[in-house]
Structure formats: structure tokens, C-alpha cells
Amino acid sequence: MHPKETQEPVYSVKGLVTEIRLLTRHYLVLLLLRSIGYRGSYQDLSRTNRWVGQTEPVPWA
């Protein structure tokens, strides 16, 4: 028997799913860059209000 409650409360917050997707992608990119020992600049993909081509150094550099 399935519960009668739906997942609507999670989806009722505007932009929540998009924000989770952006942060997940951001941290996966950082994890990958860290695992290969990268020490240069990268684009923060979780920010949607940045200039095209704007980069910053990785946090561990």
C-alpha cells in the first residue's frame, strides 16, 4: 500500500530542484578536479549570475 501523501511540498518551493541540481553538479566537478590533482582555475557552475568566462582558482590552490 502506498501512502496517500504526494511529493508536492518538495516541488512547491520555487527553484529548489534547480538549486539542488546546480549544487550537485558543482560539487561533483570539484570532486573530480581534486581527484586528478588540478590546481588551476575553474568556472563555478552553481552560479547563474556570473560573466561568461569568469573563473576563479580551485578552493585548495
PDB file of N, CA and C in Angstrom:
ATOM      1  N   MET A   1       0.838  -1.168   0.000  1.00  0.00           N
ATOM      2  CA  MET A   1       0.000   0.000   0.000  1.00  0.00           C
ATOM      3  C   MET A   1       0.888   1.238   0.000  1.00  0.00           C
ATOM      4  N   HIS A   2       0.604   2.152  -0.882  1.00  0.00           N
ATOM      5  CA  HIS A   2       1.384   3.379  -0.998  1.00  0.00           C
ATOM      6  C   HIS A   2       0.752   4.477  -0.153  1.00  0.00           C
ATOM      7  N   PRO A   3       1.580   5.339   0.416  1.00  0.00           N
ATOM      8  CA  PRO A   3       1.000   6.452   1.174  1.00  0.00           C
ATOM      9  C   PRO A   3       0.233   7.396   0.254  1.00  0.00           C
ATOM     10  N   LYS A   4      -0.754   8.048   0.806  1.00  0.00           N
ATOM     11  CA  LYS A   4      -1.590   8.933   0.003  1.00  0.00           C
ATOM     12  C   LYS A   4      -0.980  10.327  -0.142  1.00  0.00           C
ATOM     13  N   GLU A   5       0.069  10.612   0.624  1.00  0.00           N
ATOM     14  CA  GLU A   5       0.719  11.907   0.505  1.00  0.00           C
ATOM     15  C   GLU A   5       1.531  11.952  -0.789  1.00  0.00           C
ATOM     16  N   THR A   6       1.554  13.110  -1.388  1.00  0.00           N
ATOM     17  CA  THR A   6       2.329  13.279  -2.610  1.00  0.00           C
ATOM     18  C   THR A   6       3.624  14.023  -2.298  1.00  0.00           C
ATOM     19  N   GLN A   7       4.450  14.208  -3.296  1.00  0.00           N
ATOM     20  CA  GLN A   7       5.704  14.918  -3.122  1.00  0.00           C
ATOM     21  C   GLN A   7       5.561  16.406  -3.421  1.00  0.00           C
ATOM     22  N   GLU A   8       4.370  16.879  -3.489  1.00  0.00           N
ATOM     23  CA  GLU A   8       4.133  18.279  -3.833  1.00  0.00           C
ATOM     24  C   GLU A   8       4.812  19.280  -2.910  1.00  0.00           C
ATOM     25  N   PRO A   9       4.900  19.072  -1.575  1.00  0.00           N
ATOM     26  CA  PRO A   9       5.575  20.068  -0.738  1.00  0.00           C
ATOM     27  C   PRO A   9       7.030  20.310  -1.162  1.00  0.00           C
ATOM     28  N   VAL A  10       7.716  19.302  -1.630  1.00  0.00           N
ATOM     29  CA  VAL A  10       9.095  19.473  -2.075  1.00  0.00           C
ATOM     30  C   VAL A  10       9.140  20.327  -3.326  1.00  0.00           C
ATOM     31  N   TYR A  11       8.240  20.104  -4.243  1.00  0.00           N
ATOM     32  CA  TYR A  11       8.241  20.820  -5.506  1.00  0.00           C
ATOM     33  C   TYR A  11       7.535  22.166  -5.436  1.00  0.00           C
ATOM     34  N   SER A  12       6.914  22.480  -4.316  1.00  0.00           N
ATOM     35  CA  SER A  12       6.211  23.761  -4.221  1.00  0.00           C
ATOM     36  C   SER A  12       7.160  24.926  -3.972  1.00  0.00           C
ATOM     37  N   VAL A  13       8.381  24.647  -3.505  1.00  0.00           N
ATOM     38  CA  VAL A  13       9.374  25.704  -3.312  1.00  0.00           C
ATOM     39  C   VAL A  13       9.999  26.009  -4.662  1.00  0.00           C
ATOM     40  N   LYS A  14       9.795  27.219  -5.148  1.00  0.00           N
ATOM     41  CA  LYS A  14      10.239  27.576  -6.488  1.00  0.00           C
ATOM     42  C   LYS A  14      11.766  27.542  -6.577  1.00  0.00           C
ATOM     43  N   GLY A  15      12.270  26.802  -7.538  1.00  0.00           N
ATOM     44  CA  GLY A  15      13.696  26.754  -7.787  1.00  0.00           C
ATOM     45  C   GLY A  15      14.480  25.760  -6.950  1.00  0.00           C
ATOM     46  N   LEU A  16      13.826  25.033  -6.060  1.00  0.00           N
ATOM     47  CA  LEU A  16      14.529  24.114  -5.176  1.00  0.00           C
ATOM     48  C   LEU A  16      15.211  22.990  -5.950  1.00  0.00           C
ATOM     49  N   VAL A  17      14.524  22.383  -6.875  1.00  0.00           N
ATOM     50  CA  VAL A  17      15.082  21.280  -7.648  1.00  0.00           C
ATOM     51  C   VAL A  17      16.238  21.778  -8.512  1.00  0.00           C
ATOM     52  N   THR A  18      16.093  22.950  -9.094  1.00  0.00           N
ATOM     53  CA  THR A  18      17.167  23.527  -9.902  1.00  0.00           C
ATOM     54  C   THR A  18      18.387  23.828  -9.042  1.00  0.00           C
ATOM     55  N   GLU A  19      18.170  24.377  -7.866  1.00  0.00           N
ATOM     56  CA  GLU A  19      19.273  24.688  -6.953  1.00  0.00           C
ATOM     57  C   GLU A  19      20.012  23.419  -6.520  1.00  0.00           C
ATOM     58  N   ILE A  20      19.285  22.374  -6.239  1.00  0.00           N
ATOM     59  CA  ILE A  20      19.911  21.104  -5.865  1.00  0.00           C
ATOM     60  C   ILE A  20      20.730  20.552  -7.021  1.00  0.00           C
ATOM     61  N   ARG A  21      20.199  20.640  -8.228  1.00  0.00           N
ATOM     62  CA  ARG A  21      20.916  20.149  -9.403  1.00  0.00           C
ATOM     63  C   ARG A  21      22.205  20.940  -9.623  1.00  0.00           C
ATOM     64  N   LEU A  22      22.150  22.260  -9.493  1.00  0.00           N
ATOM     65  CA  LEU A  22      23.334  23.097  -9.693  1.00  0.00           C
ATOM     66  C   LEU A  22      24.407  22.825  -8.640  1.00  0.00           C
ATOM     67  N   LEU A  23      24.006  22.709  -7.388  1.00  0.00           N
ATOM     68  CA  LEU A  23      24.976  22.436  -6.329  1.00  0.00           C
ATOM     69  C   LEU A  23      25.588  21.049  -6.452  1.00  0.00           C
ATOM     70  N   THR A  24      24.776  20.066  -6.837  1.00  0.00           N
ATOM     71  CA  THR A  24      25.293  18.717  -7.022  1.00  0.00           C
ATOM     72  C   THR A  24      26.327  18.698  -8.134  1.00  0.00           C
ATOM     73  N   ARG A  25      26.031  19.352  -9.247  1.00  0.00           N
ATOM     74  CA  ARG A  25      26.971  19.405 -10.363  1.00  0.00           C
ATOM     75  C   ARG A  25      28.245  20.132  -9.956  1.00  0.00           C
ATOM     76  N   HIS A  26      28.120  21.220  -9.197  1.00  0.00           N
ATOM     77  CA  HIS A  26      29.271  21.995  -8.738  1.00  0.00           C
ATOM     78  C   HIS A  26      30.201  21.130  -7.886  1.00  0.00           C
ATOM     79  N   TYR A  27      29.645  20.424  -6.909  1.00  0.00           N
ATOM     80  CA  TYR A  27      30.484  19.624  -6.021  1.00  0.00           C
ATOM     81  C   TYR A  27      31.054  18.388  -6.717  1.00  0.00           C
ATOM     82  N   LEU A  28      30.348  17.838  -7.676  1.00  0.00           N
ATOM     83  CA  LEU A  28      30.907  16.723  -8.444  1.00  0.00           C
ATOM     84  C   LEU A  28      32.090  17.182  -9.295  1.00  0.00           C
ATOM     85  N   VAL A  29      31.999  18.370  -9.874  1.00  0.00           N
ATOM     86  CA  VAL A  29      33.121  18.916 -10.641  1.00  0.00           C
ATOM     87  C   VAL A  29      34.317  19.151  -9.726  1.00  0.00           C
ATOM     88  N   LEU A  30      34.082  19.735  -8.538  1.00  0.00           N
ATOM     89  CA  LEU A  30      35.176  19.947  -7.596  1.00  0.00           C
ATOM     90  C   LEU A  30      35.805  18.629  -7.154  1.00  0.00           C
ATOM     91  N   LEU A  31      34.987  17.624  -6.929  1.00  0.00           N
ATOM     92  CA  LEU A  31      35.492  16.307  -6.541  1.00  0.00           C
ATOM     93  C   LEU A  31      36.366  15.707  -7.635  1.00  0.00           C
ATOM     94  N   LEU A  32      35.919  15.827  -8.858  1.00  0.00           N
ATOM     95  CA  LEU A  32      36.689  15.308  -9.983  1.00  0.00           C
ATOM     96  C   LEU A  32      38.013  16.065 -10.140  1.00  0.00           C
ATOM     97  N   LEU A  33      37.961  17.392 -10.067  1.00  0.00           N
ATOM     98  CA  LEU A  33      39.180  18.189 -10.196  1.00  0.00           C
ATOM     99  C   LEU A  33      40.166  17.881  -9.073  1.00  0.00           C
ATOM    100  N   ARG A  34      39.662  17.715  -7.870  1.00  0.00           N
ATOM    101  CA  ARG A  34      40.527  17.378  -6.725  1.00  0.00           C
ATOM    102  C   ARG A  34      41.151  15.999  -6.907  1.00  0.00           C
ATOM    103  N   SER A  35      40.378  15.054  -7.418  1.00  0.00           N
ATOM    104  CA  SER A  35      40.878  13.681  -7.565  1.00  0.00           C
ATOM    105  C   SER A  35      41.994  13.574  -8.600  1.00  0.00           C
ATOM    106  N   ILE A  36      42.019  14.482  -9.579  1.00  0.00           N
ATOM    107  CA  ILE A  36      43.090  14.421 -10.575  1.00  0.00           C
ATOM    108  C   ILE A  36      44.226  15.398 -10.234  1.00  0.00           C
ATOM    109  N   GLY A  37      44.111  16.099  -9.092  1.00  0.00           N
ATOM    110  CA  GLY A  37      45.172  16.974  -8.645  1.00  0.00           C
ATOM    111  C   GLY A  37      45.238  18.311  -9.355  1.00  0.00           C
ATOM    112  N   TYR A  38      44.137  18.764  -9.896  1.00  0.00           N
ATOM    113  CA  TYR A  38      44.077  20.028 -10.625  1.00  0.00           C
ATOM    114  C   TYR A  38      44.255  21.206  -9.682  1.00  0.00           C
ATOM    115  N   ARG A  39      45.071  22.196 -10.071  1.00  0.00           N
ATOM    116  CA  ARG A  39      45.331  23.365  -9.230  1.00  0.00           C
ATOM    117  C   ARG A  39      45.145  24.681  -9.981  1.00  0.00           C
ATOM    118  N   GLY A  40      44.427  24.683 -11.073  1.00  0.00           N
ATOM    119  CA  GLY A  40      44.231  25.890 -11.872  1.00  0.00           C
ATOM    120  C   GLY A  40      42.932  26.605 -11.546  1.00  0.00           C
ATOM    121  N   SER A  41      42.361  27.221 -12.550  1.00  0.00           N
ATOM    122  CA  SER A  41      41.098  27.943 -12.411  1.00  0.00           C
ATOM    123  C   SER A  41      39.952  27.113 -12.970  1.00  0.00           C
ATOM    124  N   TYR A  42      38.772  27.378 -12.490  1.00  0.00           N
ATOM    125  CA  TYR A  42      37.574  26.685 -12.970  1.00  0.00           C
ATOM    126  C   TYR A  42      36.396  27.646 -12.942  1.00  0.00           C
ATOM    127  N   GLN A  43      35.327  27.281 -13.629  1.00  0.00           N
ATOM    128  CA  GLN A  43      34.101  28.078 -13.614  1.00  0.00           C
ATOM    129  C   GLN A  43      33.145  27.466 -12.606  1.00  0.00           C
ATOM    130  N   ASP A  44      32.660  28.276 -11.689  1.00  0.00           N
ATOM    131  CA  ASP A  44      31.691  27.817 -10.693  1.00  0.00           C
ATOM    132  C   ASP A  44      30.343  27.661 -11.383  1.00  0.00           C
ATOM    133  N   LEU A  45      29.954  26.432 -11.655  1.00  0.00           N
ATOM    134  CA  LEU A  45      28.727  26.166 -12.401  1.00  0.00           C
ATOM    135  C   LEU A  45      27.460  26.347 -11.568  1.00  0.00           C
ATOM    136  N   SER A  46      27.621  26.537 -10.255  1.00  0.00           N
ATOM    137  CA  SER A  46      26.434  26.725  -9.422  1.00  0.00           C
ATOM    138  C   SER A  46      25.954  28.176  -9.444  1.00  0.00           C
ATOM    139  N   ARG A  47      26.793  29.080  -9.913  1.00  0.00           N
ATOM    140  CA  ARG A  47      26.394  30.492 -10.003  1.00  0.00           C
ATOM    141  C   ARG A  47      25.750  30.763 -11.358  1.00  0.00           C
ATOM    142  N   THR A  48      24.596  31.326 -11.324  1.00  0.00           N
ATOM    143  CA  THR A  48      23.907  31.648 -12.578  1.00  0.00           C
ATOM    144  C   THR A  48      24.039  33.127 -12.926  1.00  0.00           C
ATOM    145  N   ASN A  49      24.590  33.920 -12.027  1.00  0.00           N
ATOM    146  CA  ASN A  49      24.707  35.363 -12.263  1.00  0.00           C
ATOM    147  C   ASN A  49      26.174  35.768 -12.407  1.00  0.00           C
ATOM    148  N   ARG A  50      26.916  35.068 -13.229  1.00  0.00           N
ATOM    149  CA  ARG A  50      28.323  35.375 -13.438  1.00  0.00           C
ATOM    150  C   ARG A  50      28.543  35.778 -14.889  1.00  0.00           C
ATOM    151  N   TRP A  51      29.689  36.402 -15.147  1.00  0.00           N
ATOM    152  CA  TRP A  51      30.057  36.772 -16.503  1.00  0.00           C
ATOM    153  C   TRP A  51      30.512  35.526 -17.251  1.00  0.00           C
ATOM    154  N   VAL A  52      30.315  35.511 -18.541  1.00  0.00           N
ATOM    155  CA  VAL A  52      30.769  34.401 -19.370  1.00  0.00           C
ATOM    156  C   VAL A  52      32.292  34.353 -19.312  1.00  0.00           C
ATOM    157  N   GLY A  53      32.835  33.190 -19.024  1.00  0.00           N
ATOM    158  CA  GLY A  53      34.277  33.031 -18.954  1.00  0.00           C
ATOM    159  C   GLY A  53      34.893  33.423 -17.627  1.00  0.00           C
ATOM    160  N   GLN A  54      34.076  33.857 -16.677  1.00  0.00           N
ATOM    161  CA  GLN A  54      34.598  34.235 -15.365  1.00  0.00           C
ATOM    162  C   GLN A  54      35.063  32.988 -14.628  1.00  0.00           C
ATOM    163  N   THR A  55      36.315  32.986 -14.195  1.00  0.00           N
ATOM    164  CA  THR A  55      36.866  31.838 -13.488  1.00  0.00           C
ATOM    165  C   THR A  55      37.402  32.255 -12.131  1.00  0.00           C
ATOM    166  N   GLU A  56      37.668  31.274 -11.320  1.00  0.00           N
ATOM    167  CA  GLU A  56      38.272  31.500 -10.004  1.00  0.00           C
ATOM    168  C   GLU A  56      39.150  30.295  -9.696  1.00  0.00           C
ATOM    169  N   PRO A  57      40.147  30.466  -8.833  1.00  0.00           N
ATOM    170  CA  PRO A  57      41.004  29.331  -8.508  1.00  0.00           C
ATOM    171  C   PRO A  57      40.248  28.287  -7.703  1.00  0.00           C
ATOM    172  N   VAL A  58      40.663  27.045  -7.836  1.00  0.00           N
ATOM    173  CA  VAL A  58      40.030  25.989  -7.049  1.00  0.00           C
ATOM    174  C   VAL A  58      40.280  26.279  -5.567  1.00  0.00           C
ATOM    175  N   PRO A  59      39.368  25.887  -4.687  1.00  0.00           N
ATOM    176  CA  PRO A  59      39.484  26.240  -3.266  1.00  0.00           C
ATOM    177  C   PRO A  59      40.758  25.739  -2.580  1.00  0.00           C
ATOM    178  N   TRP A  60      41.359  24.673  -3.052  1.00  0.00           N
ATOM    179  CA  TRP A  60      42.523  24.112  -2.399  1.00  0.00           C
ATOM    180  C   TRP A  60      43.845  24.619  -2.977  1.00  0.00           C
ATOM    181  N   ALA A  61      43.784  25.509  -3.942  1.00  0.00           N
ATOM    182  CA  ALA A  61      45.030  26.029  -4.557  1.00  0.00           C
ATOM    183  C   ALA A  61      45.646  27.125  -3.718  1.00  0.00           C
TER     184      ALA A  61
END
